[in-house]
């Protein structure tokens, strides 16, 4: 705990840090609670700077943006049902470990590899809301928003359900698995689906 306090004092007294410096700090923060605490105290700057670099896809991600206690209690059960369906849909279009990644540059450009599809564009990040706004070079996609959260050396990048469907359609064909998921979630508000990444070497 004392080590964490020292890190917090360093962060709060620092206005600019390189992505590598943030990455070194992230290695000290092995627990999600510690990472979240530092992120809150720095106004989201931890995520804003540390997101720079390459992130390799590991698994589907499901996130519920709700303070409702009942929703939180049921989210684990819903997640366990949805995740295998997401994984099947992703594999269908070639999104799997070793074949998908996002790279974020300091000039606010990005490159995404999703299966055999490469997407490029620009992004902005709002630290307070953790909202990323993507502007894709591909006219079919245009712009879309997502939520980004860093937990140690892991990144969770999640989209509103309809936007994820749009993104996956741009990679492959219409996928019945995703249509099923959307039907399951139509009565739930503030549900985000997407990707779980690990930081590249």
Foldseek 3Di string as FASTA:
>chain_A
DVVLVVVLVVLVVDDDDALVVLLVVLQVQQFQVSQVVSLVSNLQVSCVHVVAFKWWFAFKDKDFPDPDPVCVVCVVVLCVVLRVLVVVLLVVLQAHTPQWMKHAHPVQKIWIGRGPDIWIFGWDARRNQQKIWTATPDPQLGIAIWHWDDGRQKIDTWGDLVSVQSVSCVRDNRDVSSVVSCVVCVVPPRMTIGTMTGGDD
